């Protein structure tokens, strides 16, 4: 369940400012900023502040065009299902009652929850779309041009901007979870320009992907599963049956029993390569869950999440005046 981030600010050109002392008549004239700003300290300070603020504005990763991918999938004879925010292509054989055709509707319901979490207006992102591949045979997608050679080998899933791949799963519940996990990556990479340390990147994907299907709800007509029910976000599961084969809570309990549970500081420093194992995912999910739900941290964490999601994320969290590392470690243990 790895992701890549592309795009970003272009490097500053060395020719942006004109030279002050022109050696000849054909040389560029002095830039007015060089002449005027030294005489106006206040304006120089304001300009510096503005440039710093602009530097902090996230730059969205370039989104990948969906239409050509859909066309390639259809030419290859793949099954294609479309919702408002997700088009899903798969080589999975038709199996009655597996709910594959409803996964885009599940994604659409989750999209609304993700917008709420990051304080985004869904109406302003009504045109946002992702393209997902539910894969049984990788070679079939390669032949169709839908699995580029640059995509590294992955065990379960991989995301590149608003495009992702996921291997089919035997459990419908885990298949849904994996779809949403990669969907969160696509959402945060493109709409939030996410480039955070691995613990948050993977932790927020796990946190926002965790859900259950509720039967008998008034919105059950748009059921995302074969069972007559509707999507409900459950970042912290109510019961184990709600998250079949997820294994996060069981893993954390087992690590505690074995006295191998990672400390919060260890999770903050987990390298990306360690997210090949379930324990790293479990720890990252647990850290985000505590910070997002614990009454002593939730408000500050929500404010932090609505700022830049960049490599300074952990530093800004632990460097804030209200952060008590010892207390947070005790609360997490």
Protein backbone atom coordinates (compact mmCIF):
# COMPACT_ATOMS: atom_id res chain seq x y z
CA UNK A 1 0.00 0.00 0.00
CA UNK A 2 2.62 2.42 -1.07
CA UNK A 3 2.31 5.66 -2.90
CA UNK A 4 4.32 8.14 -4.87
CA UNK A 5 4.11 11.87 -4.93
CA UNK A 6 5.02 13.79 -8.04
CA UNK A 7 5.02 17.42 -8.97
CA UNK A 8 6.03 20.37 -6.84
CA UNK A 9 7.41 23.85 -7.19
CA UNK A 10 9.84 24.44 -10.06
CA UNK A 11 13.36 25.43 -9.16
CA UNK A 12 13.93 29.16 -8.97
CA UNK A 13 15.56 30.55 -12.07
CA UNK A 14 18.89 32.27 -11.64
CA UNK A 15 17.69 34.94 -14.08
CA UNK A 16 14.62 35.97 -12.09
CA UNK A 17 16.19 39.16 -10.71
CA UNK A 18 17.95 41.52 -13.09
CA UNK A 19 21.50 42.54 -12.36
CA UNK A 20 21.99 45.86 -10.60
CA UNK A 21 25.14 47.15 -12.28
CA UNK A 22 24.80 46.72 -16.03
CA UNK A 23 28.26 46.40 -17.63
CA UNK A 24 27.09 47.77 -20.99
CA UNK A 25 24.11 49.35 -22.68
CA UNK A 26 22.78 45.98 -23.81
CA UNK A 27 22.73 44.54 -20.30
CA UNK A 28 19.41 44.27 -18.43
CA UNK A 29 18.29 47.38 -16.58
CA UNK A 30 18.28 47.23 -12.78
CA UNK A 31 15.25 45.58 -11.25
CA UNK A 32 13.16 48.17 -9.39
CA UNK A 33 13.03 45.81 -6.40
CA UNK A 34 16.79 46.04 -5.94
CA UNK A 35 16.68 49.85 -6.01
CA UNK A 36 13.47 50.47 -4.09
CA UNK A 37 13.33 47.81 -1.37
CA UNK A 38 16.54 48.79 0.47
CA UNK A 39 14.97 52.22 0.99
CA UNK A 40 11.70 50.77 2.26
CA UNK A 41 12.40 48.32 5.09
CA UNK A 42 8.69 47.87 5.86
CA UNK A 43 7.85 46.95 2.28
CA UNK A 44 10.83 44.60 2.15
CA UNK A 45 9.58 42.88 5.29
CA UNK A 46 6.04 42.60 3.89
CA UNK A 47 7.30 41.15 0.61
CA UNK A 48 9.38 38.60 2.49
CA UNK A 49 6.32 37.61 4.52
CA UNK A 50 4.18 37.24 1.39
CA UNK A 51 6.79 35.10 -0.36
CA UNK A 52 7.11 32.90 2.73
CA UNK A 53 3.32 32.48 2.88
CA UNK A 54 3.18 31.52 -0.79
CA UNK A 55 5.88 28.95 -0.19
CA UNK A 56 3.67 27.32 2.46
CA UNK A 57 0.69 26.95 0.14
CA UNK A 58 0.45 23.28 -0.91
CA UNK A 59 0.93 22.63 -4.62
CA UNK A 60 -1.41 19.90 -5.81
CA UNK A 61 0.12 16.91 -7.53
CA UNK A 62 -0.80 16.76 -11.19
CA UNK A 63 -3.86 14.56 -11.66
CA UNK A 64 -3.82 11.82 -14.26
CA UNK A 65 -6.45 11.97 -17.02
CA UNK A 66 -9.05 9.25 -16.48
CA UNK A 67 -10.70 8.98 -19.92
CA UNK A 68 -7.73 7.38 -21.74
CA UNK A 69 -7.40 4.78 -18.98
CA UNK A 70 -11.09 3.90 -19.19
CA UNK A 71 -10.79 3.53 -22.96
CA UNK A 72 -7.79 1.20 -22.58
CA UNK A 73 -9.63 -0.90 -20.02
CA UNK A 74 -12.64 -1.32 -22.27
CA UNK A 75 -10.49 -2.21 -25.28
CA UNK A 76 -8.84 -4.91 -23.18
CA UNK A 77 -12.21 -6.41 -22.28
CA UNK A 78 -11.95 -5.57 -18.59
CA UNK A 79 -15.07 -5.02 -16.53
CA UNK A 80 -15.47 -1.30 -15.84
CA UNK A 81 -17.66 0.21 -13.13
CA UNK A 82 -18.06 3.96 -12.67
CA UNK A 83 -19.29 6.16 -9.87
CA UNK A 84 -19.00 9.89 -9.34
CA UNK A 85 -15.44 9.85 -7.97
CA UNK A 86 -14.10 6.42 -8.94
CA UNK A 87 -13.88 4.36 -12.10
CA UNK A 88 -12.83 0.80 -11.31
CA UNK A 89 -11.47 -1.66 -13.88
CA UNK A 90 -11.04 -5.34 -13.06
CA UNK A 91 -10.25 -8.69 -14.61
CA UNK A 92 -12.05 -10.49 -11.80
CA UNK A 93 -14.57 -12.97 -13.17
CA UNK A 94 -18.27 -12.32 -12.61
CA UNK A 95 -19.39 -13.84 -9.32
CA UNK A 96 -22.94 -13.29 -8.19
CA UNK A 97 -23.28 -11.36 -4.98
CA UNK A 98 -19.63 -10.27 -4.62
CA UNK A 99 -20.60 -6.58 -4.69
CA UNK A 100 -17.77 -5.53 -7.03
CA UNK A 101 -20.12 -3.38 -9.08
CA UNK A 102 -21.04 -1.38 -5.96
CA UNK A 103 -17.48 -0.45 -4.95
CA UNK A 104 -17.54 2.92 -6.76
CA UNK A 105 -20.65 3.88 -4.76
CA UNK A 106 -18.86 2.88 -1.57
CA UNK A 107 -15.97 5.09 -2.64
CA UNK A 108 -18.34 8.02 -3.27
CA UNK A 109 -19.79 7.74 0.24
CA UNK A 110 -16.30 7.57 1.74
CA UNK A 111 -15.24 10.62 -0.31
CA UNK A 112 -17.76 12.72 1.60
CA UNK A 113 -16.28 11.53 4.91
CA UNK A 114 -12.76 12.34 3.74
CA UNK A 115 -13.79 15.85 2.75
CA UNK A 116 -15.35 16.35 6.18
CA UNK A 117 -12.18 15.15 7.91
CA UNK A 118 -10.01 17.67 6.06
CA UNK A 119 -12.63 20.44 6.15
CA UNK A 120 -13.03 20.45 2.36
CA UNK A 121 -16.27 21.31 0.59
CA UNK A 122 -17.31 18.26 -1.50
CA UNK A 123 -19.15 20.54 -3.92
CA UNK A 124 -15.90 22.31 -4.79
CA UNK A 125 -14.34 18.97 -5.69
CA UNK A 126 -17.33 17.45 -7.45
CA UNK A 127 -15.27 16.79 -10.58
CA UNK A 128 -12.46 14.98 -8.77
CA UNK A 129 -12.00 11.40 -9.96
CA UNK A 130 -9.71 8.46 -9.34
CA UNK A 131 -9.03 5.41 -11.47
CA UNK A 132 -8.51 2.08 -9.75
CA UNK A 133 -7.47 -1.35 -10.99
CA UNK A 134 -8.69 -4.42 -9.10
CA UNK A 135 -6.14 -6.99 -10.25
CA UNK A 136 -6.22 -10.78 -10.47
CA UNK A 137 -3.67 -11.24 -13.29
CA UNK A 138 -1.05 -8.49 -13.42
CA UNK A 139 0.05 -9.50 -16.91
CA UNK A 140 -3.36 -8.74 -18.33
CA UNK A 141 -3.11 -5.16 -17.07
CA UNK A 142 0.45 -4.84 -18.37
CA UNK A 143 -0.66 -5.99 -21.81
CA UNK A 144 -3.49 -3.44 -21.73
CA UNK A 145 -1.02 -0.68 -20.88
CA UNK A 146 -2.63 -0.20 -17.48
CA UNK A 147 0.27 -1.38 -15.32
CA UNK A 148 3.37 0.60 -16.37
CA UNK A 149 6.81 -0.88 -15.86
CA UNK A 150 7.69 2.04 -13.57
CA UNK A 151 5.18 0.80 -10.98
CA UNK A 152 7.19 -1.24 -8.46
CA UNK A 153 6.17 -4.70 -7.36
CA UNK A 154 3.57 -4.48 -4.62
CA UNK A 155 2.01 -7.08 -2.36
CA UNK A 156 -1.42 -5.52 -1.93
CA UNK A 157 -1.72 -2.04 -3.37
CA UNK A 158 0.06 0.95 -4.83
CA UNK A 159 -1.02 4.53 -5.57
CA UNK A 160 0.29 7.16 -7.95
CA UNK A 161 -1.61 10.43 -7.62
CA UNK A 162 -5.27 9.75 -8.48
CA UNK A 163 -4.54 6.32 -9.92
CA UNK A 164 -4.13 3.12 -7.92
CA UNK A 165 -3.80 -0.63 -8.21
CA UNK A 166 -4.92 -3.28 -5.72
CA UNK A 167 -4.72 -7.05 -5.73
CA UNK A 168 -8.00 -8.89 -5.36
CA UNK A 169 -8.70 -10.25 -1.88
CA UNK A 170 -10.59 -13.32 -0.70
CA UNK A 171 -12.45 -11.32 1.95
CA UNK A 172 -15.06 -8.81 0.68
CA UNK A 173 -14.50 -6.73 3.83
CA UNK A 174 -10.75 -6.52 3.31
CA UNK A 175 -11.23 -5.86 -0.40
CA UNK A 176 -13.36 -2.83 0.50
CA UNK A 177 -10.83 -1.69 3.08
CA UNK A 178 -7.92 -1.94 0.65
CA UNK A 179 -9.89 -0.02 -1.99
CA UNK A 180 -10.52 2.79 0.48
CA UNK A 181 -6.95 2.75 1.81
CA UNK A 182 -5.59 3.35 -1.68
CA UNK A 183 -8.42 5.81 -2.27
CA UNK A 184 -7.31 7.89 0.72
CA UNK A 185 -3.80 7.98 -0.75
CA UNK A 186 -5.22 9.22 -4.07
CA UNK A 187 -7.37 11.80 -2.28
CA UNK A 188 -4.61 13.18 -0.05
CA UNK A 189 -1.91 13.16 -2.73
CA UNK A 190 -3.97 15.21 -5.17
CA UNK A 191 -6.37 17.28 -3.05
CA UNK A 192 -4.07 17.84 -0.05
CA UNK A 193 -0.64 17.58 -1.75
CA UNK A 194 0.37 15.11 0.92
CA UNK A 195 4.10 14.52 1.43
CA UNK A 196 4.23 13.63 5.11
CA UNK A 197 6.40 11.21 7.10
CA UNK A 198 5.34 7.56 6.58
CA UNK A 199 3.56 7.15 9.91
CA UNK A 200 0.97 9.78 8.99
CA UNK A 201 0.78 8.87 5.30
CA UNK A 202 -0.11 5.26 6.09
CA UNK A 203 -1.83 5.95 9.40
CA UNK A 204 -4.38 8.36 7.94
CA UNK A 205 -5.06 5.95 5.06
CA UNK A 206 -5.79 3.17 7.56
CA UNK A 207 -7.81 5.48 9.80
CA UNK A 208 -10.08 6.85 7.07
CA UNK A 209 -10.45 3.50 5.30
CA UNK A 210 -11.76 1.65 8.34
CA UNK A 211 -15.51 1.19 8.04
CA UNK A 212 -18.44 -1.15 8.38
CA UNK A 213 -21.59 -1.88 6.40
CA UNK A 214 -24.77 -1.03 8.28
CA UNK A 215 -27.98 -2.82 7.35
CA UNK A 216 -31.37 -1.14 7.39
CA UNK A 217 -30.16 2.44 6.96
CA UNK A 218 -32.31 4.88 5.00
CA UNK A 219 -29.58 5.18 2.37
CA UNK A 220 -29.41 1.41 1.86
CA UNK A 221 -30.79 1.84 -1.65
CA UNK A 222 -27.25 2.84 -2.63
CA UNK A 223 -25.79 -0.22 -0.98
CA UNK A 224 -22.03 -0.68 -1.45
CA UNK A 225 -22.20 -4.42 -0.82
CA UNK A 226 -24.25 -7.42 -1.72
CA UNK A 227 -25.73 -7.34 1.75
CA UNK A 228 -28.38 -4.66 1.97
CA UNK A 229 -26.52 -1.98 3.90
CA UNK A 230 -24.74 1.35 3.73
CA UNK A 231 -21.23 2.64 4.38
CA UNK A 232 -20.36 3.93 7.84
CA UNK A 233 -16.94 5.24 8.79
CA UNK A 234 -15.57 3.54 11.91
CA UNK A 235 -11.98 4.79 12.36
CA UNK A 236 -11.90 2.86 15.63
CA UNK A 237 -13.92 -0.36 15.08
CA UNK A 238 -16.81 -1.12 17.40
CA UNK A 239 -16.44 -4.91 17.16
CA UNK A 240 -13.96 -7.22 15.46
CA UNK A 241 -16.61 -8.49 13.04
CA UNK A 242 -16.79 -5.01 11.50
CA UNK A 243 -13.22 -5.27 10.21
CA UNK A 244 -12.82 -8.86 9.05
CA UNK A 245 -9.18 -9.79 8.35
CA UNK A 246 -7.98 -6.26 9.11
CA UNK A 247 -5.95 -7.45 12.09
CA UNK A 248 -4.77 -4.06 13.35
CA UNK A 249 -6.14 -4.30 16.90
CA UNK A 250 -5.16 -7.95 17.24
CA UNK A 251 -1.63 -7.11 16.13
CA UNK A 252 -1.29 -4.31 18.68
CA UNK A 253 -2.57 -6.57 21.45
CA UNK A 254 -0.13 -9.31 20.46
CA UNK A 255 2.77 -6.85 20.44
CA UNK A 256 1.82 -5.65 23.92
CA UNK A 257 1.64 -9.21 25.24
CA UNK A 258 5.08 -9.89 23.80
CA UNK A 259 6.43 -6.59 25.21
CA UNK A 260 7.31 -5.50 21.68
CA UNK A 261 4.75 -2.74 21.21
CA UNK A 262 6.40 0.33 19.65
CA UNK A 263 6.45 3.60 21.57
CA UNK A 264 4.83 6.65 20.02
CA UNK A 265 8.25 8.18 19.30
CA UNK A 266 9.27 4.98 17.51
CA UNK A 267 6.17 5.15 15.31
CA UNK A 268 6.92 8.76 14.40
CA UNK A 269 10.32 7.59 13.12
CA UNK A 270 9.14 4.48 11.27
CA UNK A 271 10.80 4.41 7.82
CA UNK A 272 8.68 3.84 4.75
CA UNK A 273 10.30 0.47 4.05
CA UNK A 274 8.96 -0.91 7.35
CA UNK A 275 5.39 -0.55 6.11
CA UNK A 276 5.73 -3.92 4.45
CA UNK A 277 4.59 -5.51 7.71
CA UNK A 278 1.30 -5.44 9.56
CA UNK A 279 2.84 -4.16 12.78
CA UNK A 280 3.94 -0.88 11.18
CA UNK A 281 0.47 -0.29 9.73
CA UNK A 282 -1.11 -1.11 13.07
CA UNK A 283 1.17 1.30 14.92
CA UNK A 284 0.62 4.11 12.44
CA UNK A 285 -3.15 3.63 12.56
CA UNK A 286 -3.09 3.61 16.38
CA UNK A 287 -1.06 6.84 16.52
CA UNK A 288 -3.42 8.68 14.18
CA UNK A 289 -6.46 7.25 15.99
CA UNK A 290 -5.23 8.50 19.37
CA UNK A 291 -4.29 11.94 18.10
CA UNK A 292 -7.55 12.34 16.18
CA UNK A 293 -9.89 11.00 18.88
CA UNK A 294 -8.33 11.62 22.30
CA UNK A 295 -9.95 14.76 23.78
CA UNK A 296 -6.58 16.15 24.83
CA UNK A 297 -5.15 16.01 21.30
CA UNK A 298 -8.04 16.00 18.83
CA UNK A 299 -8.52 19.76 18.40
CA UNK A 300 -4.83 20.57 17.93
CA UNK A 301 -4.38 17.60 15.60
CA UNK A 302 -7.33 18.65 13.43
CA UNK A 303 -5.82 22.13 13.09
CA UNK A 304 -2.46 20.60 12.20
CA UNK A 305 -4.06 18.38 9.54
CA UNK A 306 -5.66 21.38 7.87
CA UNK A 307 -2.27 22.99 7.41
CA UNK A 308 0.49 21.82 5.06
CA UNK A 309 0.80 18.03 4.92
CA UNK A 310 4.53 18.08 4.31
CA UNK A 311 7.75 16.68 5.77
CA UNK A 312 7.58 19.13 8.70
CA UNK A 313 4.33 17.55 9.91
CA UNK A 314 5.85 15.58 12.81
CA UNK A 315 8.14 18.44 13.80
CA UNK A 316 5.23 20.87 13.94
CA UNK A 317 3.23 18.38 15.99
CA UNK A 318 5.91 17.63 18.58
CA UNK A 319 7.33 21.15 18.55
CA UNK A 320 4.11 22.91 19.49
CA UNK A 321 3.91 24.67 22.85
CA UNK A 322 1.14 22.34 24.06
CA UNK A 323 2.91 19.09 23.21
CA UNK A 324 4.04 17.04 26.21
CA UNK A 325 6.04 14.11 24.87
CA UNK A 326 6.07 12.17 28.14
CA UNK A 327 2.33 12.52 28.60
CA UNK A 328 1.60 11.57 24.99
CA UNK A 329 3.79 8.49 25.37
CA UNK A 330 1.86 7.44 28.49
CA UNK A 331 -1.49 8.04 26.82
CA UNK A 332 -0.44 5.94 23.85
CA UNK A 333 1.01 3.04 25.82
